[in-house]
Amino acid sequence: MLSIIVCSRNGRLPQEQVDNIEATVGCDHELVIIDNSRNEYTIFSAYNEGVRRAKGEVLCFRHDDIMHRSEGWGQVACDLLQDETIGLVGVGGSHFMPSAPAYWSQSPYLSIYNIDNDNGTLREKDIDLYYRDGVADVVAVDGQLFFIPRRLFDRISFDEQTYEAWHGYDMDISLQVQALGLRAVVTRRMLNEHRWSESKWNDPATMEPLYRASVRFYDKWRDHLPMARGIDKPQFELDQLNELWRGYANHQNIRRSKPYKLGQKLLSPLKLLK
């Protein structure tokens, strides 16, 4: 059985989503809704609570803002996890993570197949350069939808101690699975509509927590980075990319430092004289 775990901001899933799941999942399943209407959970603690409540052999972790656009997506994931080398199945992810703070979607090497619903404007993302037979190995997956066998949670969990709030859980659990010697993969055999606004990438309220999560991810996993999966690129190209990323990270650290910010304030009156 598939256990579909959702952390719900409103305490329940809209009936539209419940009906959509029932019509498309394609396998025996249960819904495990974690009521976060009082903001008692982080995504880490909510998902850990979902694991404790779930009864299925395969666990699905799902955002509360997606609609499924393909038939049998639950069965697709369960079938892929019959391969004992695979420990995680997602719908989008990064093939390279550098030895520097970075969020998975910043990578130039991505495999993603989904529809973004940006306030009613639909945009299909179909980046499939690295799929082979509809499946691609990745380093880290997108958290909108992913699947992990229940048995692995004897050895892994969502890290409530290292991270905070809502970011980093997808990258971290991806590396936890791979630390067990298993593969993280993404598939284009299921299509979802994700209700997400691209304008959030320009919102400091969104980007600052992502940055903090990226720093904590790097601090935790630095001995395993850089890491590449599912791409056939020359090592010198990956080395150059990693050095560029490290340079960018150093630049960001300088711009976020107290001396830099103080200098900006001290120099700001001089700009008015120009």
C-alpha atoms as a PDB file:
ATOM      1  CA  MET A   1       0.000   0.000   0.000  1.00  0.00           C
ATOM      2  CA  LEU A   2       1.050   3.589  -0.692  1.00  0.00           C
ATOM      3  CA  SER A   3       0.839   6.092   2.184  1.00  0.00           C
ATOM      4  CA  ILE A   4       0.449   9.663   0.871  1.00  0.00           C
ATOM      5  CA  ILE A   5       1.763  12.053   3.531  1.00  0.00           C
ATOM      6  CA  VAL A   6       0.780  15.729   3.297  1.00  0.00           C
ATOM      7  CA  CYS A   7       1.545  18.598   5.655  1.00  0.00           C
ATOM      8  CA  SER A   8      -1.557  20.746   5.245  1.00  0.00           C
ATOM      9  CA  ARG A   9      -1.524  24.466   6.035  1.00  0.00           C
ATOM     10  CA  ASN A  10      -5.322  24.394   6.296  1.00  0.00           C
ATOM     11  CA  GLY A  11      -5.649  21.176   8.256  1.00  0.00           C
ATOM     12  CA  ARG A  12      -7.093  19.230   5.338  1.00  0.00           C
ATOM     13  CA  LEU A  13      -6.775  18.798   1.589  1.00  0.00           C
ATOM     14  CA  PRO A  14      -9.319  20.558  -0.620  1.00  0.00           C
ATOM     15  CA  GLN A  15     -11.893  18.132  -1.972  1.00  0.00           C
ATOM     16  CA  GLU A  16     -10.625  18.903  -5.471  1.00  0.00           C
ATOM     17  CA  GLN A  17      -7.237  17.422  -4.560  1.00  0.00           C
ATOM     18  CA  VAL A  18      -8.721  14.433  -2.748  1.00  0.00           C
ATOM     19  CA  ASP A  19     -10.843  13.642  -5.792  1.00  0.00           C
ATOM     20  CA  ASN A  20      -7.823  14.111  -8.055  1.00  0.00           C
ATOM     21  CA  ILE A  21      -5.730  11.677  -6.012  1.00  0.00           C
ATOM     22  CA  GLU A  22      -8.494   9.086  -5.941  1.00  0.00           C
ATOM     23  CA  ALA A  23      -8.968   9.326  -9.708  1.00  0.00           C
ATOM     24  CA  THR A  24      -5.301   9.156 -10.706  1.00  0.00           C
ATOM     25  CA  VAL A  25      -3.150   7.331  -8.108  1.00  0.00           C
ATOM     26  CA  GLY A  26      -3.749   3.892  -9.587  1.00  0.00           C
ATOM     27  CA  CYS A  27      -2.969   1.745  -6.534  1.00  0.00           C
ATOM     28  CA  ASP A  28      -4.114   0.891  -3.024  1.00  0.00           C
ATOM     29  CA  HIS A  29      -3.400   3.899  -0.830  1.00  0.00           C
ATOM     30  CA  GLU A  30      -4.154   5.912   2.278  1.00  0.00           C
ATOM     31  CA  LEU A  31      -4.049   9.656   2.954  1.00  0.00           C
ATOM     32  CA  VAL A  32      -2.044  10.761   6.001  1.00  0.00           C
ATOM     33  CA  ILE A  33      -2.837  14.437   6.549  1.00  0.00           C
ATOM     34  CA  ILE A  34      -0.745  16.315   9.114  1.00  0.00           C
ATOM     35  CA  ASP A  35      -2.827  19.243  10.332  1.00  0.00           C
ATOM     36  CA  ASN A  36      -0.535  22.272  10.493  1.00  0.00           C
ATOM     37  CA  SER A  37      -3.262  24.917  10.638  1.00  0.00           C
ATOM     38  CA  ARG A  38      -1.809  26.110  13.961  1.00  0.00           C
ATOM     39  CA  ASN A  39       1.760  26.113  12.596  1.00  0.00           C
ATOM     40  CA  GLU A  40       2.880  23.546  15.159  1.00  0.00           C
ATOM     41  CA  TYR A  41       5.156  21.669  12.752  1.00  0.00           C
ATOM     42  CA  THR A  42       8.093  22.328  10.487  1.00  0.00           C
ATOM     43  CA  ILE A  43       8.133  20.285   7.292  1.00  0.00           C
ATOM     44  CA  PHE A  44      10.713  18.044   8.980  1.00  0.00           C
ATOM     45  CA  SER A  45       8.657  17.298  12.088  1.00  0.00           C
ATOM     46  CA  ALA A  46       5.451  16.998  10.041  1.00  0.00           C
ATOM     47  CA  TYR A  47       6.949  14.401   7.733  1.00  0.00           C
ATOM     48  CA  ASN A  48       8.472  12.480  10.647  1.00  0.00           C
ATOM     49  CA  GLU A  49       5.024  12.415  12.260  1.00  0.00           C
ATOM     50  CA  GLY A  50       3.578  11.213   8.958  1.00  0.00           C
ATOM     51  CA  VAL A  51       6.095   8.362   8.866  1.00  0.00           C
ATOM     52  CA  ARG A  52       5.004   7.316  12.375  1.00  0.00           C
ATOM     53  CA  ARG A  53       1.325   7.274  11.373  1.00  0.00           C
ATOM     54  CA  ALA A  54       1.710   5.668   7.935  1.00  0.00           C
ATOM     55  CA  LYS A  55       0.829   2.026   7.315  1.00  0.00           C
ATOM     56  CA  GLY A  56       2.036   1.583   3.741  1.00  0.00           C
ATOM     57  CA  GLU A  57       5.156  -0.126   2.428  1.00  0.00           C
ATOM     58  CA  VAL A  58       5.902   2.908   0.210  1.00  0.00           C
ATOM     59  CA  LEU A  59       5.682   6.448   1.563  1.00  0.00           C
ATOM     60  CA  CYS A  60       4.788   9.408  -0.667  1.00  0.00           C
ATOM     61  CA  PHE A  61       5.693  12.915   0.510  1.00  0.00           C
ATOM     62  CA  ARG A  62       3.574  15.477  -1.274  1.00  0.00           C
ATOM     63  CA  HIS A  63       3.021  19.246  -1.224  1.00  0.00           C
ATOM     64  CA  ASP A  64      -0.487  20.526  -0.568  1.00  0.00           C
ATOM     65  CA  ASP A  65      -0.450  22.631  -3.755  1.00  0.00           C
ATOM     66  CA  ILE A  66      -0.170  20.099  -6.592  1.00  0.00           C
ATOM     67  CA  MET A  67      -2.608  18.367  -8.928  1.00  0.00           C
ATOM     68  CA  HIS A  68      -1.782  15.098 -10.662  1.00  0.00           C
ATOM     69  CA  ARG A  69      -2.078  15.182 -14.463  1.00  0.00           C
ATOM     70  CA  SER A  70      -1.171  11.599 -15.316  1.00  0.00           C
ATOM     71  CA  GLU A  71      -2.830   8.278 -14.579  1.00  0.00           C
ATOM     72  CA  GLY A  72      -1.318   5.656 -12.307  1.00  0.00           C
ATOM     73  CA  TRP A  73       1.444   7.814 -10.804  1.00  0.00           C
ATOM     74  CA  GLY A  74       1.389   5.925  -7.508  1.00  0.00           C
ATOM     75  CA  GLN A  75       1.824   2.587  -9.243  1.00  0.00           C
ATOM     76  CA  VAL A  76       4.657   4.027 -11.352  1.00  0.00           C
ATOM     77  CA  ALA A  77       6.573   4.927  -8.189  1.00  0.00           C
ATOM     78  CA  CYS A  78       5.871   1.577  -6.512  1.00  0.00           C
ATOM     79  CA  ASP A  79       7.027  -0.283  -9.635  1.00  0.00           C
ATOM     80  CA  LEU A  80      10.280   1.705  -9.810  1.00  0.00           C
ATOM     81  CA  LEU A  81      10.985   0.971  -6.149  1.00  0.00           C
ATOM     82  CA  GLN A  82      10.818  -2.746  -6.886  1.00  0.00           C
ATOM     83  CA  ASP A  83      14.378  -2.185  -8.121  1.00  0.00           C
ATOM     84  CA  GLU A  84      16.308  -2.743  -4.895  1.00  0.00           C
ATOM     85  CA  THR A  85      19.091  -0.364  -6.006  1.00  0.00           C
ATOM     86  CA  ILE A  86      16.634   2.572  -5.892  1.00  0.00           C
ATOM     87  CA  GLY A  87      15.794   4.204  -2.559  1.00  0.00           C
ATOM     88  CA  LEU A  88      14.023   7.372  -3.663  1.00  0.00           C
ATOM     89  CA  VAL A  89      11.853   8.376  -6.637  1.00  0.00           C
ATOM     90  CA  GLY A  90      11.062  12.007  -7.447  1.00  0.00           C
ATOM     91  CA  VAL A  91       9.744  14.099 -10.328  1.00  0.00           C
ATOM     92  CA  GLY A  92      12.569  16.617 -10.692  1.00  0.00           C
ATOM     93  CA  GLY A  93      16.102  17.052  -9.453  1.00  0.00           C
ATOM     94  CA  SER A  94      19.710  18.102  -9.844  1.00  0.00           C
ATOM     95  CA  HIS A  95      22.516  15.995 -11.266  1.00  0.00           C
ATOM     96  CA  PHE A  96      25.257  18.065  -9.625  1.00  0.00           C
ATOM     97  CA  MET A  97      25.727  19.663  -6.206  1.00  0.00           C
ATOM     98  CA  PRO A  98      28.914  21.669  -5.569  1.00  0.00           C
ATOM     99  CA  SER A  99      31.182  21.899  -2.560  1.00  0.00           C
ATOM    100  CA  ALA A 100      29.587  25.210  -1.658  1.00  0.00           C
ATOM    101  CA  PRO A 101      26.156  26.329  -0.393  1.00  0.00           C
ATOM    102  CA  ALA A 102      23.626  25.879  -3.205  1.00  0.00           C
ATOM    103  CA  TYR A 103      19.978  24.988  -3.683  1.00  0.00           C
ATOM    104  CA  TRP A 104      19.283  22.032  -5.972  1.00  0.00           C
ATOM    105  CA  SER A 105      17.416  24.058  -8.630  1.00  0.00           C
ATOM    106  CA  GLN A 106      20.417  26.387  -9.152  1.00  0.00           C
ATOM    107  CA  SER A 107      22.302  23.580 -10.895  1.00  0.00           C
ATOM    108  CA  PRO A 108      22.778  23.806 -14.698  1.00  0.00           C
ATOM    109  CA  TYR A 109      22.230  20.049 -14.879  1.00  0.00           C
ATOM    110  CA  LEU A 110      18.572  19.296 -14.158  1.00  0.00           C
ATOM    111  CA  SER A 111      15.915  16.760 -15.093  1.00  0.00           C
ATOM    112  CA  ILE A 112      12.365  18.033 -14.518  1.00  0.00           C
ATOM    113  CA  TYR A 113       8.975  17.214 -15.967  1.00  0.00           C
ATOM    114  CA  ASN A 114       6.074  19.182 -14.508  1.00  0.00           C
ATOM    115  CA  ILE A 115       3.688  22.074 -15.027  1.00  0.00           C
ATOM    116  CA  ASP A 116       4.045  25.268 -12.998  1.00  0.00           C
ATOM    117  CA  ASN A 117       0.756  27.052 -12.333  1.00  0.00           C
ATOM    118  CA  ASP A 118       1.806  30.658 -11.720  1.00  0.00           C
ATOM    119  CA  ASN A 119      -1.402  32.359 -10.576  1.00  0.00           C
ATOM    120  CA  GLY A 120      -3.341  30.704 -13.400  1.00  0.00           C
ATOM    121  CA  THR A 121      -0.601  30.886 -16.049  1.00  0.00           C
ATOM    122  CA  LEU A 122       0.528  27.372 -16.940  1.00  0.00           C
ATOM    123  CA  ARG A 123       4.149  26.755 -17.933  1.00  0.00           C
ATOM    124  CA  GLU A 124       5.377  23.281 -18.775  1.00  0.00           C
ATOM    125  CA  LYS A 125       8.895  22.378 -17.692  1.00  0.00           C
ATOM    126  CA  ASP A 126      10.308  19.522 -19.714  1.00  0.00           C
ATOM    127  CA  ILE A 127      14.068  19.320 -19.222  1.00  0.00           C
ATOM    128  CA  ASP A 128      14.845  15.780 -20.321  1.00  0.00           C
ATOM    129  CA  LEU A 129      18.426  15.807 -21.542  1.00  0.00           C
ATOM    130  CA  TYR A 130      19.504  13.261 -18.949  1.00  0.00           C
ATOM    131  CA  TYR A 131      16.605  10.810 -18.899  1.00  0.00           C
ATOM    132  CA  ARG A 132      17.167   7.254 -20.094  1.00  0.00           C
ATOM    133  CA  ASP A 133      13.934   5.341 -20.639  1.00  0.00           C
ATOM    134  CA  GLY A 134      12.129   7.987 -18.631  1.00  0.00           C
ATOM    135  CA  VAL A 135      14.346   7.687 -15.516  1.00  0.00           C
ATOM    136  CA  ALA A 136      17.449   9.614 -14.439  1.00  0.00           C
ATOM    137  CA  ASP A 137      19.797   9.347 -11.465  1.00  0.00           C
ATOM    138  CA  VAL A 138      20.156  12.578  -9.489  1.00  0.00           C
ATOM    139  CA  VAL A 139      21.941  13.954  -6.453  1.00  0.00           C
ATOM    140  CA  ALA A 140      18.943  15.777  -4.962  1.00  0.00           C
ATOM    141  CA  VAL A 141      15.218  15.860  -5.728  1.00  0.00           C
ATOM    142  CA  ASP A 142      12.548  18.540  -5.726  1.00  0.00           C
ATOM    143  CA  GLY A 143      10.359  18.294  -2.633  1.00  0.00           C
ATOM    144  CA  GLN A 144       7.029  18.751  -4.404  1.00  0.00           C
ATOM    145  CA  LEU A 145       6.550  14.968  -4.709  1.00  0.00           C
ATOM    146  CA  PHE A 146       8.807  12.028  -3.868  1.00  0.00           C
ATOM    147  CA  PHE A 147       8.593   8.414  -2.701  1.00  0.00           C
ATOM    148  CA  ILE A 148      10.730   6.327  -0.309  1.00  0.00           C
ATOM    149  CA  PRO A 149      10.289   2.720   0.891  1.00  0.00           C
ATOM    150  CA  ARG A 150       9.032   2.546   4.470  1.00  0.00           C
ATOM    151  CA  ARG A 151      11.796   0.134   5.470  1.00  0.00           C
ATOM    152  CA  LEU A 152      14.483   2.826   5.039  1.00  0.00           C
ATOM    153  CA  PHE A 153      13.096   4.894   7.903  1.00  0.00           C
ATOM    154  CA  ASP A 154      14.690   2.500  10.354  1.00  0.00           C
ATOM    155  CA  ARG A 155      17.946   4.200   9.291  1.00  0.00           C
ATOM    156  CA  ILE A 156      16.962   7.666   8.043  1.00  0.00           C
ATOM    157  CA  SER A 157      14.658  10.495   9.138  1.00  0.00           C
ATOM    158  CA  PHE A 158      13.938  14.121   8.318  1.00  0.00           C
ATOM    159  CA  ASP A 159      16.606  16.100  10.182  1.00  0.00           C
ATOM    160  CA  GLU A 160      14.756  18.325  12.654  1.00  0.00           C
ATOM    161  CA  GLN A 161      17.970  19.207  14.514  1.00  0.00           C
ATOM    162  CA  THR A 162      20.019  20.673  11.656  1.00  0.00           C
ATOM    163  CA  TYR A 163      17.365  22.529   9.659  1.00  0.00           C
ATOM    164  CA  GLU A 164      14.458  24.846  10.367  1.00  0.00           C
ATOM    165  CA  ALA A 165      11.031  25.561   8.910  1.00  0.00           C
ATOM    166  CA  TRP A 166      10.458  24.551   5.275  1.00  0.00           C
ATOM    167  CA  HIS A 167      13.655  24.181   3.262  1.00  0.00           C
ATOM    168  CA  GLY A 168      16.452  21.671   2.797  1.00  0.00           C
ATOM    169  CA  TYR A 169      14.456  18.549   3.652  1.00  0.00           C
ATOM    170  CA  ASP A 170      14.417  17.294   0.054  1.00  0.00           C
ATOM    171  CA  MET A 171      18.147  17.703  -0.545  1.00  0.00           C
ATOM    172  CA  ASP A 172      19.045  16.261   2.843  1.00  0.00           C
ATOM    173  CA  ILE A 173      16.866  13.151   2.609  1.00  0.00           C
ATOM    174  CA  SER A 174      18.231  12.564  -0.915  1.00  0.00           C
ATOM    175  CA  LEU A 175      21.773  12.356   0.436  1.00  0.00           C
ATOM    176  CA  GLN A 176      20.684  10.268   3.414  1.00  0.00           C
ATOM    177  CA  VAL A 177      19.280   7.692   0.995  1.00  0.00           C
ATOM    178  CA  GLN A 178      22.469   7.702  -1.076  1.00  0.00           C
ATOM    179  CA  ALA A 179      24.587   7.352   2.074  1.00  0.00           C
ATOM    180  CA  LEU A 180      22.895   3.948   2.429  1.00  0.00           C
ATOM    181  CA  GLY A 181      24.320   2.991  -0.972  1.00  0.00           C
ATOM    182  CA  LEU A 182      20.998   3.432  -2.808  1.00  0.00           C
ATOM    183  CA  ARG A 183      20.065   5.543  -5.816  1.00  0.00           C
ATOM    184  CA  ALA A 184      17.897   8.648  -5.945  1.00  0.00           C
ATOM    185  CA  VAL A 185      16.108   8.901  -9.299  1.00  0.00           C
ATOM    186  CA  VAL A 186      13.554  11.087 -11.029  1.00  0.00           C
ATOM    187  CA  THR A 187      11.049  10.005 -13.641  1.00  0.00           C
ATOM    188  CA  ARG A 188       9.096  11.658 -16.418  1.00  0.00           C
ATOM    189  CA  ARG A 189       6.476   8.910 -16.262  1.00  0.00           C
ATOM    190  CA  MET A 190       4.267  11.095 -14.055  1.00  0.00           C
ATOM    191  CA  LEU A 191       3.163  14.692 -14.646  1.00  0.00           C
ATOM    192  CA  ASN A 192       2.066  17.127 -11.940  1.00  0.00           C
ATOM    193  CA  GLU A 193       0.761  20.664 -11.878  1.00  0.00           C
ATOM    194  CA  HIS A 194       2.534  22.647  -9.166  1.00  0.00           C
ATOM    195  CA  ARG A 195       0.808  25.822  -8.020  1.00  0.00           C
ATOM    196  CA  TRP A 196       3.902  27.929  -7.612  1.00  0.00           C
ATOM    197  CA  SER A 197       4.687  31.528  -8.524  1.00  0.00           C
ATOM    198  CA  GLU A 198       8.053  32.180 -10.174  1.00  0.00           C
ATOM    199  CA  SER A 199       7.968  35.685  -8.676  1.00  0.00           C
ATOM    200  CA  LYS A 200       8.903  34.118  -5.335  1.00  0.00           C
ATOM    201  CA  TRP A 201      12.471  33.745  -6.612  1.00  0.00           C
ATOM    202  CA  ASN A 202      12.694  37.553  -6.385  1.00  0.00           C
ATOM    203  CA  ASP A 203      11.242  37.693  -2.876  1.00  0.00           C
ATOM    204  CA  PRO A 204      13.799  37.995  -0.025  1.00  0.00           C
ATOM    205  CA  ALA A 205      11.289  36.302   2.283  1.00  0.00           C
ATOM    206  CA  THR A 206      11.632  33.213   0.076  1.00  0.00           C
ATOM    207  CA  MET A 207      15.305  33.421  -0.814  1.00  0.00           C
ATOM    208  CA  GLU A 208      16.819  34.093   2.608  1.00  0.00           C
ATOM    209  CA  PRO A 209      15.475  30.859   4.179  1.00  0.00           C
ATOM    210  CA  LEU A 210      16.629  28.948   1.087  1.00  0.00           C
ATOM    211  CA  TYR A 211      20.111  30.383   1.520  1.00  0.00           C
ATOM    212  CA  ARG A 212      20.249  29.436   5.208  1.00  0.00           C
ATOM    213  CA  ALA A 213      19.107  25.895   4.382  1.00  0.00           C
ATOM    214  CA  SER A 214      21.752  25.649   1.644  1.00  0.00           C
ATOM    215  CA  VAL A 215      24.476  26.677   4.100  1.00  0.00           C
ATOM    216  CA  ARG A 216      23.325  24.070   6.631  1.00  0.00           C
ATOM    217  CA  PHE A 217      23.129  21.418   3.916  1.00  0.00           C
ATOM    218  CA  TYR A 218      26.687  22.207   2.838  1.00  0.00           C
ATOM    219  CA  ASP A 219      27.997  22.233   6.401  1.00  0.00           C
ATOM    220  CA  LYS A 220      26.444  18.817   7.035  1.00  0.00           C
ATOM    221  CA  TRP A 221      27.444  17.112   3.785  1.00  0.00           C
ATOM    222  CA  ARG A 222      30.668  18.921   2.803  1.00  0.00           C
ATOM    223  CA  ASP A 223      32.735  15.739   3.064  1.00  0.00           C
ATOM    224  CA  HIS A 224      30.530  14.184   0.339  1.00  0.00           C
ATOM    225  CA  LEU A 225      30.577  17.170  -2.037  1.00  0.00           C
ATOM    226  CA  PRO A 226      30.890  17.909  -4.890  1.00  0.00           C
ATOM    227  CA  MET A 227      28.667  15.097  -6.142  1.00  0.00           C
ATOM    228  CA  ALA A 228      27.456  14.236  -9.641  1.00  0.00           C
ATOM    229  CA  ARG A 229      24.908  11.602 -10.639  1.00  0.00           C
ATOM    230  CA  GLY A 230      23.314  10.602 -13.938  1.00  0.00           C
ATOM    231  CA  ILE A 231      25.379  12.804 -16.274  1.00  0.00           C
ATOM    232  CA  ASP A 232      28.313  12.009 -18.499  1.00  0.00           C
ATOM    233  CA  LYS A 233      30.449  15.141 -18.273  1.00  0.00           C
ATOM    234  CA  PRO A 234      34.263  15.461 -18.383  1.00  0.00           C
ATOM    235  CA  GLN A 235      35.756  15.790 -14.915  1.00  0.00           C
ATOM    236  CA  PHE A 236      37.495  19.058 -15.838  1.00  0.00           C
ATOM    237  CA  GLU A 237      34.110  20.582 -16.704  1.00  0.00           C
ATOM    238  CA  LEU A 238      32.675  19.577 -13.328  1.00  0.00           C
ATOM    239  CA  ASP A 239      35.806  20.847 -11.568  1.00  0.00           C
ATOM    240  CA  GLN A 240      35.517  24.223 -13.328  1.00  0.00           C
ATOM    241  CA  LEU A 241      31.830  24.462 -12.453  1.00  0.00           C
ATOM    242  CA  ASN A 242      32.595  23.666  -8.840  1.00  0.00           C
ATOM    243  CA  GLU A 243      35.269  26.377  -8.662  1.00  0.00           C
ATOM    244  CA  LEU A 244      32.894  28.930 -10.191  1.00  0.00           C
ATOM    245  CA  TRP A 245      30.271  27.981  -7.636  1.00  0.00           C
ATOM    246  CA  ARG A 246      32.750  28.280  -4.769  1.00  0.00           C
ATOM    247  CA  GLY A 247      33.785  31.718  -6.026  1.00  0.00           C
ATOM    248  CA  TYR A 248      30.169  32.820  -6.181  1.00  0.00           C
ATOM    249  CA  ALA A 249      29.568  31.500  -2.655  1.00  0.00           C
ATOM    250  CA  ASN A 250      32.563  33.468  -1.355  1.00  0.00           C
ATOM    251  CA  HIS A 251      31.199  36.587  -3.049  1.00  0.00           C
ATOM    252  CA  GLN A 252      27.825  36.028  -1.385  1.00  0.00           C
ATOM    253  CA  ASN A 253      29.475  35.580   2.000  1.00  0.00           C
ATOM    254  CA  ILE A 254      31.275  38.891   1.598  1.00  0.00           C
ATOM    255  CA  ARG A 255      28.075  40.702   0.628  1.00  0.00           C
ATOM    256  CA  ARG A 256      26.289  39.267   3.652  1.00  0.00           C
ATOM    257  CA  SER A 257      29.068  40.105   6.100  1.00  0.00           C
ATOM    258  CA  LYS A 258      28.635  42.815   8.731  1.00  0.00           C
ATOM    259  CA  PRO A 259      31.669  44.861   7.537  1.00  0.00           C
ATOM    260  CA  TYR A 260      30.315  44.927   3.977  1.00  0.00           C
ATOM    261  CA  LYS A 261      26.842  45.998   5.118  1.00  0.00           C
ATOM    262  CA  LEU A 262      28.351  48.652   7.370  1.00  0.00           C
ATOM    263  CA  GLY A 263      30.422  49.941   4.463  1.00  0.00           C
ATOM    264  CA  GLN A 264      27.315  50.147   2.303  1.00  0.00           C
ATOM    265  CA  LYS A 265      25.584  52.283   4.930  1.00  0.00           C
ATOM    266  CA  LEU A 266      28.595  54.556   5.369  1.00  0.00           C
ATOM    267  CA  LEU A 267      28.942  55.089   1.632  1.00  0.00           C
ATOM    268  CA  SER A 268      25.250  55.614   0.906  1.00  0.00           C
ATOM    269  CA  PRO A 269      25.308  59.405   1.671  1.00  0.00           C
ATOM    270  CA  LEU A 270      28.148  59.846  -0.831  1.00  0.00           C
ATOM    271  CA  LYS A 271      25.966  58.409  -3.602  1.00  0.00           C
ATOM    272  CA  LEU A 272      23.591  61.340  -3.185  1.00  0.00           C
ATOM    273  CA  LEU A 273      26.417  63.776  -3.968  1.00  0.00           C
ATOM    274  CA  LYS A 274      27.121  62.322  -7.402  1.00  0.00           C
END
